[in-house]
């Protein structure tokens, strides 16, 4: 059984990456990705393991099947999370987006993290509600409303962070610290494109010793 190849394929699909995109991030050809996945090439070279794991948002151990959770937990065992700059452009989180770094997992409670989570940090002062520059946001892919909370949403080709709540009439109400919407727009959550939930936000402070 080609367990490594099957794992690569599943992780790639869960990350929403094509073979060509994964190949570009790892620095190999898309033919090589196909050979890995179908078992024609049964081993991944050591120099390719780290970029492959980073592109698939998992640890090298998880990629090689060495750190499976025996209880089937949905939490991933990760060494780092990709950190993306958050701008108002939807391309900032698109398939072709590249992380600016990988944030060490030692600073984050691993119980909060699921396998395809990623981090965002706002780039423009005053452009995002709830998360001024200097904050770090945990983002979890979510293409639709999934309960009251903070969401990364898109409206009129612009990314926003908003609190979305559903009232007793099943209408979605959108709220923000910086309310740029007209009153009638605040109750039309169905006009939003949902990209991710924001389960946690941290403030990054520079400490002097």
N, C-alpha and C. Protein backbone atom coordinates (compact mmCIF):
# COMPACT_ATOMS: atom_id res chain seq x y z
N UNK A 1 0.85 -1.20 0.00
CA UNK A 1 0.00 0.00 0.00
C UNK A 1 0.88 1.25 0.00
N UNK A 2 0.54 2.19 -0.82
CA UNK A 2 1.31 3.43 -0.93
C UNK A 2 0.77 4.46 0.08
N UNK A 3 1.12 4.28 1.36
CA UNK A 3 0.57 5.14 2.40
C UNK A 3 1.07 6.57 2.28
N UNK A 4 2.36 6.76 2.01
CA UNK A 4 2.91 8.11 1.90
C UNK A 4 2.26 8.86 0.75
N UNK A 5 2.15 8.23 -0.41
CA UNK A 5 1.55 8.89 -1.56
C UNK A 5 0.10 9.25 -1.32
N UNK A 6 -0.64 8.34 -0.68
CA UNK A 6 -2.05 8.61 -0.38
C UNK A 6 -2.17 9.75 0.62
N UNK A 7 -1.23 9.81 1.58
CA UNK A 7 -1.25 10.89 2.57
C UNK A 7 -0.96 12.23 1.89
N UNK A 8 -0.01 12.25 1.00
CA UNK A 8 0.31 13.49 0.27
C UNK A 8 -0.90 13.96 -0.52
N UNK A 9 -1.56 13.03 -1.20
CA UNK A 9 -2.73 13.40 -2.01
C UNK A 9 -3.84 13.98 -1.15
N UNK A 10 -4.14 13.30 -0.03
CA UNK A 10 -5.22 13.77 0.84
C UNK A 10 -4.91 15.14 1.43
N UNK A 11 -3.67 15.32 1.90
CA UNK A 11 -3.29 16.61 2.47
C UNK A 11 -3.34 17.71 1.42
N UNK A 12 -2.89 17.39 0.21
CA UNK A 12 -2.91 18.38 -0.87
C UNK A 12 -4.34 18.82 -1.17
N UNK A 13 -5.25 17.86 -1.26
CA UNK A 13 -6.64 18.18 -1.56
C UNK A 13 -7.29 18.95 -0.42
N UNK A 14 -6.95 18.60 0.82
CA UNK A 14 -7.51 19.32 1.96
C UNK A 14 -7.01 20.76 2.02
N UNK A 15 -5.82 21.00 1.51
CA UNK A 15 -5.27 22.36 1.46
C UNK A 15 -5.76 23.13 0.23
N UNK A 16 -6.49 22.46 -0.66
CA UNK A 16 -6.99 23.12 -1.86
C UNK A 16 -5.92 23.42 -2.88
N UNK A 17 -4.89 22.59 -2.93
CA UNK A 17 -3.77 22.83 -3.85
C UNK A 17 -3.85 21.88 -5.05
N UNK A 18 -3.57 22.41 -6.22
CA UNK A 18 -3.41 21.55 -7.39
C UNK A 18 -2.02 20.93 -7.34
N UNK A 19 -1.80 19.92 -8.17
CA UNK A 19 -0.46 19.33 -8.23
C UNK A 19 0.57 20.35 -8.69
N UNK A 20 0.18 21.18 -9.64
CA UNK A 20 1.10 22.20 -10.15
C UNK A 20 1.46 23.21 -9.08
N UNK A 21 0.48 23.63 -8.27
CA UNK A 21 0.74 24.60 -7.23
C UNK A 21 1.61 24.01 -6.14
N UNK A 22 1.32 22.78 -5.74
CA UNK A 22 2.15 22.13 -4.73
C UNK A 22 3.58 21.96 -5.25
N UNK A 23 3.71 21.57 -6.52
CA UNK A 23 5.04 21.41 -7.12
C UNK A 23 5.82 22.72 -7.08
N UNK A 24 5.13 23.83 -7.37
CA UNK A 24 5.81 25.14 -7.35
C UNK A 24 6.30 25.49 -5.96
N UNK A 25 5.50 25.18 -4.93
CA UNK A 25 5.89 25.51 -3.56
C UNK A 25 7.03 24.64 -3.06
N UNK A 26 7.07 23.40 -3.53
CA UNK A 26 8.10 22.47 -3.06
C UNK A 26 9.38 22.58 -3.89
N UNK A 27 9.26 23.05 -5.14
CA UNK A 27 10.42 23.19 -6.00
C UNK A 27 10.69 21.95 -6.83
N UNK A 28 9.62 21.23 -7.20
CA UNK A 28 9.75 20.06 -8.07
C UNK A 28 8.76 20.21 -9.22
N UNK A 29 8.73 19.23 -10.10
CA UNK A 29 7.77 19.26 -11.21
C UNK A 29 6.46 18.64 -10.77
N UNK A 30 5.38 18.97 -11.47
CA UNK A 30 4.09 18.35 -11.14
C UNK A 30 4.10 16.86 -11.45
N UNK A 31 4.99 16.43 -12.36
CA UNK A 31 5.14 15.00 -12.64
C UNK A 31 5.68 14.28 -11.40
N UNK A 32 6.61 14.94 -10.70
CA UNK A 32 7.15 14.36 -9.47
C UNK A 32 6.06 14.21 -8.42
N UNK A 33 5.18 15.22 -8.31
CA UNK A 33 4.06 15.12 -7.36
C UNK A 33 3.19 13.92 -7.71
N UNK A 34 2.91 13.74 -9.00
CA UNK A 34 2.11 12.59 -9.44
C UNK A 34 2.80 11.27 -9.08
N UNK A 35 4.12 11.20 -9.30
CA UNK A 35 4.87 9.98 -8.98
C UNK A 35 4.85 9.69 -7.49
N UNK A 36 4.95 10.75 -6.66
CA UNK A 36 4.86 10.54 -5.21
C UNK A 36 3.49 9.98 -4.83
N UNK A 37 2.46 10.59 -5.41
CA UNK A 37 1.10 10.22 -5.02
C UNK A 37 0.69 8.83 -5.50
N UNK A 38 1.16 8.42 -6.68
CA UNK A 38 0.76 7.10 -7.18
C UNK A 38 1.74 6.00 -6.81
N UNK A 39 2.81 6.37 -6.10
CA UNK A 39 3.74 5.37 -5.60
C UNK A 39 4.86 4.98 -6.55
N UNK A 40 4.93 5.63 -7.71
CA UNK A 40 6.04 5.35 -8.63
C UNK A 40 7.37 5.71 -7.95
N UNK A 41 7.38 6.86 -7.25
CA UNK A 41 8.50 7.21 -6.39
C UNK A 41 8.02 7.02 -4.95
N UNK A 42 8.64 6.09 -4.23
CA UNK A 42 8.14 5.70 -2.92
C UNK A 42 8.77 6.48 -1.78
N UNK A 43 9.81 7.26 -2.04
CA UNK A 43 10.46 8.04 -1.00
C UNK A 43 10.57 9.49 -1.44
N UNK A 44 10.46 10.38 -0.47
CA UNK A 44 10.66 11.80 -0.72
C UNK A 44 12.04 12.16 -0.20
N UNK A 45 12.86 12.79 -1.04
CA UNK A 45 14.19 13.17 -0.63
C UNK A 45 14.18 14.06 0.61
N UNK A 46 15.21 13.93 1.45
CA UNK A 46 15.27 14.68 2.70
C UNK A 46 15.15 16.18 2.48
N UNK A 47 15.77 16.70 1.42
CA UNK A 47 15.74 18.14 1.16
C UNK A 47 14.35 18.63 0.77
N UNK A 48 13.47 17.70 0.37
CA UNK A 48 12.12 18.09 -0.05
C UNK A 48 11.09 17.91 1.07
N UNK A 49 11.45 17.20 2.13
CA UNK A 49 10.48 16.91 3.18
C UNK A 49 9.98 18.17 3.88
N UNK A 50 10.91 19.06 4.25
CA UNK A 50 10.49 20.26 4.99
C UNK A 50 9.60 21.17 4.14
N UNK A 51 10.00 21.54 2.89
CA UNK A 51 9.09 22.38 2.10
C UNK A 51 7.77 21.69 1.77
N UNK A 52 7.79 20.36 1.63
CA UNK A 52 6.54 19.63 1.35
C UNK A 52 5.62 19.69 2.57
N UNK A 53 6.17 19.48 3.76
CA UNK A 53 5.36 19.55 4.98
C UNK A 53 4.80 20.94 5.19
N UNK A 54 5.61 21.97 4.94
CA UNK A 54 5.14 23.35 5.10
C UNK A 54 4.02 23.66 4.12
N UNK A 55 4.18 23.21 2.88
CA UNK A 55 3.15 23.47 1.87
C UNK A 55 1.85 22.76 2.22
N UNK A 56 1.95 21.59 2.86
CA UNK A 56 0.76 20.81 3.22
C UNK A 56 0.28 21.11 4.63
N UNK A 57 0.95 22.07 5.30
CA UNK A 57 0.54 22.55 6.62
C UNK A 57 0.50 21.44 7.65
N UNK A 58 1.56 20.66 7.70
CA UNK A 58 1.65 19.60 8.70
C UNK A 58 3.10 19.45 9.11
N UNK A 59 3.35 18.65 10.14
CA UNK A 59 4.71 18.37 10.55
C UNK A 59 5.29 17.29 9.65
N UNK A 60 6.62 17.18 9.64
CA UNK A 60 7.26 16.12 8.87
C UNK A 60 6.85 14.76 9.42
N UNK A 61 6.74 14.68 10.76
CA UNK A 61 6.32 13.43 11.37
C UNK A 61 4.93 13.01 10.93
N UNK A 62 4.01 13.98 10.87
CA UNK A 62 2.65 13.66 10.41
C UNK A 62 2.67 13.24 8.95
N UNK A 63 3.48 13.91 8.15
CA UNK A 63 3.58 13.57 6.73
C UNK A 63 4.06 12.13 6.55
N UNK A 64 5.00 11.70 7.39
CA UNK A 64 5.57 10.36 7.28
C UNK A 64 4.77 9.32 8.05
N UNK A 65 3.70 9.77 8.74
CA UNK A 65 2.86 8.82 9.46
C UNK A 65 3.41 8.40 10.80
N UNK A 66 4.30 9.25 11.38
CA UNK A 66 4.95 8.88 12.64
C UNK A 66 4.28 9.45 13.87
N UNK A 67 3.26 10.32 13.70
CA UNK A 67 2.66 10.95 14.88
C UNK A 67 1.15 10.93 14.80
N UNK A 68 0.58 9.84 14.35
CA UNK A 68 -0.87 9.71 14.26
C UNK A 68 -1.48 9.72 15.66
N UNK A 69 -2.61 10.34 15.75
CA UNK A 69 -3.38 10.33 17.00
C UNK A 69 -4.19 9.04 17.05
N UNK A 70 -3.88 8.17 18.00
CA UNK A 70 -4.55 6.87 18.08
C UNK A 70 -6.04 6.99 18.33
N UNK A 71 -6.47 8.15 18.83
CA UNK A 71 -7.89 8.34 19.13
C UNK A 71 -8.63 9.06 18.02
N UNK A 72 -7.93 9.29 16.90
CA UNK A 72 -8.60 9.90 15.76
C UNK A 72 -8.94 11.36 15.99
N UNK A 73 -8.14 12.06 16.77
CA UNK A 73 -8.43 13.46 17.05
C UNK A 73 -8.34 14.28 15.78
N UNK A 74 -9.17 15.33 15.67
CA UNK A 74 -9.11 16.21 14.52
C UNK A 74 -7.99 17.22 14.64
N UNK A 75 -7.29 17.26 15.79
CA UNK A 75 -6.20 18.19 15.98
C UNK A 75 -4.94 17.66 15.32
N UNK A 76 -4.22 18.50 14.64
CA UNK A 76 -2.99 18.09 14.00
C UNK A 76 -1.81 18.33 14.94
N UNK A 77 -0.76 17.51 14.81
CA UNK A 77 0.46 17.73 15.57
C UNK A 77 1.40 18.49 14.64
N UNK A 78 1.52 19.78 14.84
CA UNK A 78 2.26 20.64 13.93
C UNK A 78 3.46 21.25 14.63
N UNK A 79 4.50 21.50 13.87
CA UNK A 79 5.66 22.21 14.42
C UNK A 79 5.53 23.71 14.21
N UNK A 80 4.73 24.10 13.22
CA UNK A 80 4.54 25.53 12.94
C UNK A 80 3.26 25.72 12.14
N UNK A 81 2.79 26.96 12.11
CA UNK A 81 1.63 27.32 11.30
C UNK A 81 2.04 28.38 10.29
N UNK A 82 1.54 28.29 9.05
CA UNK A 82 1.86 29.33 8.07
C UNK A 82 1.23 30.65 8.47
N UNK A 83 1.99 31.73 8.32
CA UNK A 83 1.53 33.07 8.67
C UNK A 83 1.41 33.89 7.39
N UNK A 84 0.19 34.39 7.12
CA UNK A 84 -0.07 35.16 5.92
C UNK A 84 -0.35 36.62 6.28
N UNK A 85 0.08 37.56 5.45
CA UNK A 85 -0.28 38.96 5.68
C UNK A 85 -1.72 39.19 5.24
N UNK A 86 -2.52 39.80 6.11
CA UNK A 86 -3.92 40.06 5.77
C UNK A 86 -4.05 41.46 5.20
N UNK A 87 -4.50 41.51 3.95
CA UNK A 87 -4.82 42.78 3.31
C UNK A 87 -6.30 42.73 2.93
N UNK A 88 -6.80 43.80 2.36
CA UNK A 88 -8.21 43.82 1.95
C UNK A 88 -8.44 43.03 0.68
N UNK A 89 -7.38 42.60 -0.01
CA UNK A 89 -7.53 41.87 -1.27
C UNK A 89 -7.78 40.39 -1.01
N UNK A 90 -8.80 39.79 -1.64
CA UNK A 90 -9.05 38.36 -1.49
C UNK A 90 -7.88 37.50 -1.94
N UNK A 91 -7.01 38.04 -2.79
CA UNK A 91 -5.86 37.28 -3.24
C UNK A 91 -4.88 37.00 -2.11
N UNK A 92 -5.01 37.76 -1.00
CA UNK A 92 -4.10 37.57 0.13
C UNK A 92 -4.23 36.19 0.75
N UNK A 93 -5.41 35.55 0.56
CA UNK A 93 -5.61 34.22 1.13
C UNK A 93 -5.96 33.20 0.06
N UNK A 94 -5.75 33.56 -1.21
CA UNK A 94 -6.06 32.66 -2.31
C UNK A 94 -5.08 31.52 -2.41
N UNK A 95 -5.34 30.61 -3.34
CA UNK A 95 -4.50 29.43 -3.52
C UNK A 95 -3.06 29.81 -3.83
N UNK A 96 -2.86 30.90 -4.56
CA UNK A 96 -1.51 31.31 -4.95
C UNK A 96 -0.81 32.13 -3.88
N UNK A 97 -1.48 32.41 -2.76
CA UNK A 97 -0.88 33.21 -1.69
C UNK A 97 0.28 32.45 -1.05
N UNK A 98 1.32 33.18 -0.71
CA UNK A 98 2.48 32.58 -0.07
C UNK A 98 2.62 33.12 1.35
N UNK A 99 2.91 32.26 2.34
CA UNK A 99 3.09 32.75 3.71
C UNK A 99 4.35 33.59 3.83
N UNK A 100 4.32 34.55 4.74
CA UNK A 100 5.51 35.38 4.97
C UNK A 100 6.47 34.69 5.94
N UNK A 101 5.95 33.74 6.71
CA UNK A 101 6.79 32.95 7.61
C UNK A 101 5.96 31.80 8.16
N UNK A 102 6.57 30.99 8.99
CA UNK A 102 5.87 29.92 9.70
C UNK A 102 6.06 30.16 11.19
N UNK A 103 4.96 30.25 11.92
CA UNK A 103 4.99 30.62 13.33
C UNK A 103 5.17 29.37 14.18
N UNK A 104 6.19 29.34 15.06
CA UNK A 104 6.44 28.15 15.89
C UNK A 104 5.25 27.79 16.76
N UNK A 105 4.93 26.51 16.80
CA UNK A 105 3.78 26.06 17.57
C UNK A 105 4.00 26.14 19.07
N UNK A 106 5.25 26.34 19.50
CA UNK A 106 5.52 26.42 20.92
C UNK A 106 4.84 27.58 21.61
N UNK A 107 4.40 28.59 20.84
CA UNK A 107 3.76 29.77 21.40
C UNK A 107 2.23 29.66 21.42
N UNK A 108 1.69 28.57 20.86
CA UNK A 108 0.24 28.43 20.74
C UNK A 108 -0.18 27.09 21.34
N UNK A 109 -1.28 27.08 22.07
CA UNK A 109 -1.83 25.86 22.63
C UNK A 109 -2.27 24.94 21.49
N UNK A 110 -1.63 23.77 21.38
CA UNK A 110 -1.92 22.88 20.26
C UNK A 110 -3.36 22.36 20.27
N UNK A 111 -4.03 22.42 21.42
CA UNK A 111 -5.41 21.97 21.49
C UNK A 111 -6.35 22.87 20.69
N UNK A 112 -5.90 24.10 20.41
CA UNK A 112 -6.71 25.03 19.63
C UNK A 112 -6.65 24.74 18.14
N UNK A 113 -5.63 24.00 17.71
CA UNK A 113 -5.29 23.94 16.31
C UNK A 113 -5.87 22.71 15.63
N UNK A 114 -6.40 22.92 14.43
CA UNK A 114 -6.79 21.83 13.55
C UNK A 114 -5.89 21.86 12.32
N UNK A 115 -5.92 20.77 11.58
CA UNK A 115 -4.89 20.51 10.58
C UNK A 115 -4.73 21.60 9.53
N UNK A 116 -5.81 22.17 9.03
CA UNK A 116 -5.68 23.14 7.94
C UNK A 116 -5.78 24.59 8.41
N UNK A 117 -5.57 24.82 9.72
CA UNK A 117 -5.59 26.19 10.24
C UNK A 117 -4.38 26.97 9.76
N UNK A 118 -4.49 28.28 9.78
CA UNK A 118 -3.38 29.15 9.43
C UNK A 118 -3.50 30.44 10.22
N UNK A 119 -2.46 31.26 10.17
CA UNK A 119 -2.43 32.51 10.92
C UNK A 119 -2.46 33.71 9.97
N UNK A 120 -3.06 34.79 10.44
CA UNK A 120 -3.12 36.04 9.68
C UNK A 120 -2.67 37.17 10.58
N UNK A 121 -2.02 38.16 10.00
CA UNK A 121 -1.69 39.38 10.73
C UNK A 121 -2.03 40.57 9.85
N UNK A 122 -2.86 41.50 10.32
CA UNK A 122 -3.29 42.65 9.51
C UNK A 122 -2.12 43.54 9.11
N UNK A 123 -2.21 44.09 7.91
CA UNK A 123 -1.12 44.91 7.38
C UNK A 123 -1.43 46.39 7.32
N UNK A 124 -2.71 46.77 7.36
CA UNK A 124 -3.08 48.18 7.19
C UNK A 124 -3.79 48.71 8.42
N UNK A 125 -3.28 49.80 9.03
CA UNK A 125 -3.93 50.37 10.23
C UNK A 125 -5.37 50.78 9.94
N UNK A 126 -6.28 50.37 10.83
CA UNK A 126 -7.66 50.82 10.75
C UNK A 126 -8.51 50.13 9.71
N UNK A 127 -7.99 49.10 9.02
CA UNK A 127 -8.75 48.47 7.94
C UNK A 127 -9.59 47.28 8.41
N UNK A 128 -9.30 46.76 9.60
CA UNK A 128 -9.99 45.55 10.03
C UNK A 128 -10.55 45.71 11.44
N UNK A 129 -11.81 45.31 11.60
CA UNK A 129 -12.44 45.33 12.91
C UNK A 129 -11.83 44.24 13.79
N UNK A 130 -11.81 44.48 15.10
CA UNK A 130 -11.44 43.50 16.12
C UNK A 130 -9.97 43.12 16.13
N UNK A 131 -9.21 43.49 15.12
CA UNK A 131 -7.82 43.02 15.03
C UNK A 131 -6.92 44.10 14.44
N UNK A 132 -6.51 45.07 15.26
CA UNK A 132 -5.61 46.12 14.77
C UNK A 132 -4.24 45.56 14.45
N UNK A 133 -3.39 46.32 13.77
CA UNK A 133 -2.03 45.85 13.49
C UNK A 133 -1.33 45.42 14.78
N UNK A 134 -0.54 44.36 14.69
CA UNK A 134 0.10 43.84 15.88
C UNK A 134 -0.63 42.67 16.49
N UNK A 135 -1.77 42.32 15.91
CA UNK A 135 -2.50 41.15 16.39
C UNK A 135 -2.24 39.95 15.48
N UNK A 136 -2.44 38.79 16.05
CA UNK A 136 -2.25 37.53 15.33
C UNK A 136 -3.57 36.79 15.42
N UNK A 137 -4.11 36.40 14.27
CA UNK A 137 -5.41 35.74 14.22
C UNK A 137 -5.27 34.29 13.76
N UNK A 138 -5.93 33.39 14.46
CA UNK A 138 -6.03 32.01 14.01
C UNK A 138 -7.23 31.91 13.06
N UNK A 139 -7.00 31.42 11.86
CA UNK A 139 -8.06 31.32 10.86
C UNK A 139 -8.30 29.85 10.51
N UNK A 140 -9.58 29.51 10.34
CA UNK A 140 -9.98 28.14 10.02
C UNK A 140 -10.94 28.17 8.84
N UNK A 141 -10.60 27.51 7.76
CA UNK A 141 -11.42 27.56 6.55
C UNK A 141 -12.87 27.22 6.85
N UNK A 142 -13.76 28.07 6.34
CA UNK A 142 -15.19 27.88 6.59
C UNK A 142 -15.95 28.59 5.48
N UNK A 143 -16.50 27.86 4.51
CA UNK A 143 -17.13 28.48 3.35
C UNK A 143 -18.57 28.95 3.58
N UNK A 144 -19.08 28.77 4.80
CA UNK A 144 -20.46 29.19 5.08
C UNK A 144 -20.61 29.53 6.56
N UNK A 145 -21.72 30.15 6.92
CA UNK A 145 -21.98 30.48 8.32
C UNK A 145 -22.06 29.19 9.14
N UNK A 146 -21.38 29.19 10.30
CA UNK A 146 -21.32 27.98 11.11
C UNK A 146 -21.43 28.33 12.60
N UNK A 147 -22.38 29.20 12.91
CA UNK A 147 -22.58 29.60 14.30
C UNK A 147 -22.07 31.00 14.57
N UNK A 148 -22.61 31.65 15.60
CA UNK A 148 -22.22 33.01 15.91
C UNK A 148 -20.73 33.11 16.23
N UNK A 149 -20.10 34.16 15.72
CA UNK A 149 -18.68 34.35 15.99
C UNK A 149 -18.04 35.29 15.00
N UNK A 150 -16.71 35.39 15.09
CA UNK A 150 -15.95 36.23 14.17
C UNK A 150 -15.63 35.45 12.90
N UNK A 151 -15.73 36.15 11.77
CA UNK A 151 -15.46 35.52 10.48
C UNK A 151 -14.59 36.44 9.61
N UNK A 152 -13.80 35.82 8.78
CA UNK A 152 -13.13 36.52 7.69
C UNK A 152 -14.06 36.39 6.49
N UNK A 153 -14.59 37.52 6.04
CA UNK A 153 -15.59 37.50 4.97
C UNK A 153 -15.17 38.43 3.85
N UNK A 154 -15.81 38.26 2.72
CA UNK A 154 -15.54 39.10 1.54
C UNK A 154 -16.84 39.74 1.08
N UNK A 155 -16.76 41.03 0.79
CA UNK A 155 -17.91 41.73 0.22
C UNK A 155 -17.39 42.77 -0.76
N UNK A 156 -17.96 42.78 -1.95
CA UNK A 156 -17.53 43.71 -3.00
C UNK A 156 -16.03 43.62 -3.23
N UNK A 157 -15.52 42.37 -3.30
CA UNK A 157 -14.10 42.10 -3.57
C UNK A 157 -13.18 42.69 -2.51
N UNK A 158 -13.66 42.78 -1.26
CA UNK A 158 -12.86 43.32 -0.17
C UNK A 158 -12.98 42.40 1.05
N UNK A 159 -11.84 42.03 1.62
CA UNK A 159 -11.84 41.20 2.81
C UNK A 159 -12.12 42.04 4.04
N UNK A 160 -12.90 41.47 4.98
CA UNK A 160 -13.24 42.15 6.22
C UNK A 160 -13.29 41.11 7.34
N UNK A 161 -13.09 41.56 8.56
CA UNK A 161 -13.31 40.72 9.73
C UNK A 161 -14.55 41.27 10.43
N UNK A 162 -15.58 40.44 10.56
CA UNK A 162 -16.84 40.88 11.13
C UNK A 162 -17.38 39.82 12.10
N UNK A 163 -18.15 40.28 13.05
CA UNK A 163 -18.90 39.34 13.89
C UNK A 163 -20.25 39.10 13.21
N UNK A 164 -20.58 37.83 13.00
CA UNK A 164 -21.83 37.46 12.34
C UNK A 164 -22.68 36.66 13.33
N UNK A 165 -23.92 37.09 13.50
CA UNK A 165 -24.83 36.42 14.41
C UNK A 165 -26.16 36.16 13.71
N UNK A 166 -26.77 35.06 14.05
CA UNK A 166 -28.07 34.71 13.48
C UNK A 166 -29.16 34.96 14.51
N UNK A 167 -30.20 35.71 14.12
CA UNK A 167 -31.25 36.02 15.08
C UNK A 167 -32.36 34.96 15.03
N UNK A 168 -33.44 35.19 15.79
CA UNK A 168 -34.51 34.21 15.89
C UNK A 168 -35.25 34.02 14.57
N UNK A 169 -35.14 35.00 13.67
CA UNK A 169 -35.78 34.90 12.35
C UNK A 169 -34.85 34.29 11.30
N UNK A 170 -33.73 33.75 11.78
CA UNK A 170 -32.75 33.10 10.89
C UNK A 170 -32.07 34.10 9.95
N UNK A 171 -32.09 35.37 10.32
CA UNK A 171 -31.41 36.41 9.54
C UNK A 171 -30.02 36.62 10.10
N UNK A 172 -29.03 36.71 9.22
CA UNK A 172 -27.67 36.95 9.66
C UNK A 172 -27.43 38.44 9.82
N UNK A 173 -26.96 38.84 11.00
CA UNK A 173 -26.63 40.22 11.29
C UNK A 173 -25.12 40.37 11.38
N UNK A 174 -24.61 41.39 10.74
CA UNK A 174 -23.17 41.60 10.66
C UNK A 174 -22.80 42.82 11.49
N UNK A 175 -21.81 42.66 12.38
CA UNK A 175 -21.39 43.74 13.27
C UNK A 175 -19.89 43.94 13.18
N UNK A 176 -19.47 45.16 13.49
CA UNK A 176 -18.05 45.46 13.52
C UNK A 176 -17.76 46.67 14.37
N UNK A 177 -16.51 46.76 14.84
CA UNK A 177 -16.09 47.93 15.60
C UNK A 177 -16.12 49.18 14.72
N UNK A 178 -15.69 48.98 13.49
CA UNK A 178 -15.70 50.08 12.52
C UNK A 178 -16.79 49.76 11.53
N UNK A 179 -17.96 50.33 11.73
CA UNK A 179 -19.12 49.95 10.92
C UNK A 179 -19.19 50.82 9.68
N UNK A 180 -18.79 50.24 8.54
CA UNK A 180 -18.81 50.98 7.28
C UNK A 180 -20.04 50.65 6.45
N UNK A 181 -20.93 49.82 6.99
CA UNK A 181 -22.12 49.41 6.24
C UNK A 181 -23.31 50.30 6.58
N UNK A 182 -24.21 50.41 5.65
CA UNK A 182 -25.47 51.07 5.92
C UNK A 182 -26.32 50.18 6.82
N UNK A 183 -27.26 50.74 7.60
CA UNK A 183 -28.06 49.92 8.51
C UNK A 183 -28.76 48.76 7.82
N UNK A 184 -29.28 48.99 6.60
CA UNK A 184 -29.99 47.90 5.93
C UNK A 184 -29.04 46.80 5.47
N UNK A 185 -27.76 47.12 5.30
CA UNK A 185 -26.80 46.12 4.85
C UNK A 185 -26.38 45.21 6.00
N UNK A 186 -26.54 45.66 7.22
CA UNK A 186 -26.07 44.88 8.36
C UNK A 186 -26.88 43.62 8.57
N UNK A 187 -28.04 43.54 8.00
CA UNK A 187 -28.87 42.36 8.21
C UNK A 187 -28.94 41.47 6.97
N UNK A 188 -27.95 41.61 6.11
CA UNK A 188 -27.94 40.78 4.90
C UNK A 188 -26.62 40.02 4.82
N UNK A 189 -26.43 39.11 5.77
CA UNK A 189 -25.23 38.30 5.79
C UNK A 189 -25.10 37.41 4.58
N UNK A 190 -26.22 37.14 3.89
CA UNK A 190 -26.15 36.27 2.72
C UNK A 190 -25.45 36.94 1.56
N UNK A 191 -25.19 38.24 1.64
CA UNK A 191 -24.44 38.92 0.58
C UNK A 191 -22.94 38.76 0.78
N UNK A 192 -22.53 38.16 1.89
CA UNK A 192 -21.12 37.97 2.19
C UNK A 192 -20.62 36.64 1.64
N UNK A 193 -19.34 36.61 1.30
CA UNK A 193 -18.66 35.37 0.97
C UNK A 193 -17.83 34.99 2.20
N UNK A 194 -18.10 33.83 2.77
CA UNK A 194 -17.39 33.39 3.97
C UNK A 194 -16.11 32.67 3.57
N UNK A 195 -15.01 33.07 4.21
CA UNK A 195 -13.72 32.42 3.95
C UNK A 195 -13.23 31.61 5.14
N UNK A 196 -13.38 32.15 6.35
CA UNK A 196 -12.83 31.47 7.52
C UNK A 196 -13.48 31.97 8.79
N UNK A 197 -13.48 31.13 9.81
CA UNK A 197 -13.82 31.58 11.15
C UNK A 197 -12.53 32.05 11.82
N UNK A 198 -12.67 32.88 12.86
CA UNK A 198 -11.52 33.37 13.63
C UNK A 198 -11.71 32.86 15.06
N UNK A 199 -11.20 31.67 15.39
CA UNK A 199 -11.42 31.10 16.73
C UNK A 199 -10.64 31.81 17.83
N UNK A 200 -9.52 32.47 17.48
CA UNK A 200 -8.69 33.09 18.51
C UNK A 200 -7.92 34.28 17.93
N UNK A 201 -7.67 35.28 18.77
CA UNK A 201 -6.87 36.44 18.40
C UNK A 201 -5.90 36.72 19.54
N UNK A 202 -4.65 36.97 19.19
CA UNK A 202 -3.64 37.32 20.18
C UNK A 202 -3.05 38.68 19.86
N UNK A 203 -2.63 39.39 20.89
CA UNK A 203 -1.93 40.66 20.72
C UNK A 203 -0.45 40.41 20.87
N UNK A 204 0.31 40.77 19.84
CA UNK A 204 1.76 40.58 19.88
C UNK A 204 2.40 41.86 20.39
N UNK A 205 3.03 41.79 21.55
CA UNK A 205 3.66 42.95 22.16
C UNK A 205 5.17 42.74 22.21
N UNK A 206 5.88 43.81 21.95
CA UNK A 206 7.33 43.76 22.03
C UNK A 206 7.73 43.96 23.48
N UNK A 207 8.44 43.00 24.03
CA UNK A 207 8.84 43.07 25.43
C UNK A 207 10.30 43.46 25.55
N UNK A 208 10.59 44.40 26.41
CA UNK A 208 11.97 44.84 26.65
C UNK A 208 12.50 44.18 27.91
N UNK A 209 13.70 43.64 27.83
CA UNK A 209 14.31 42.97 28.98
C UNK A 209 15.54 43.76 29.42
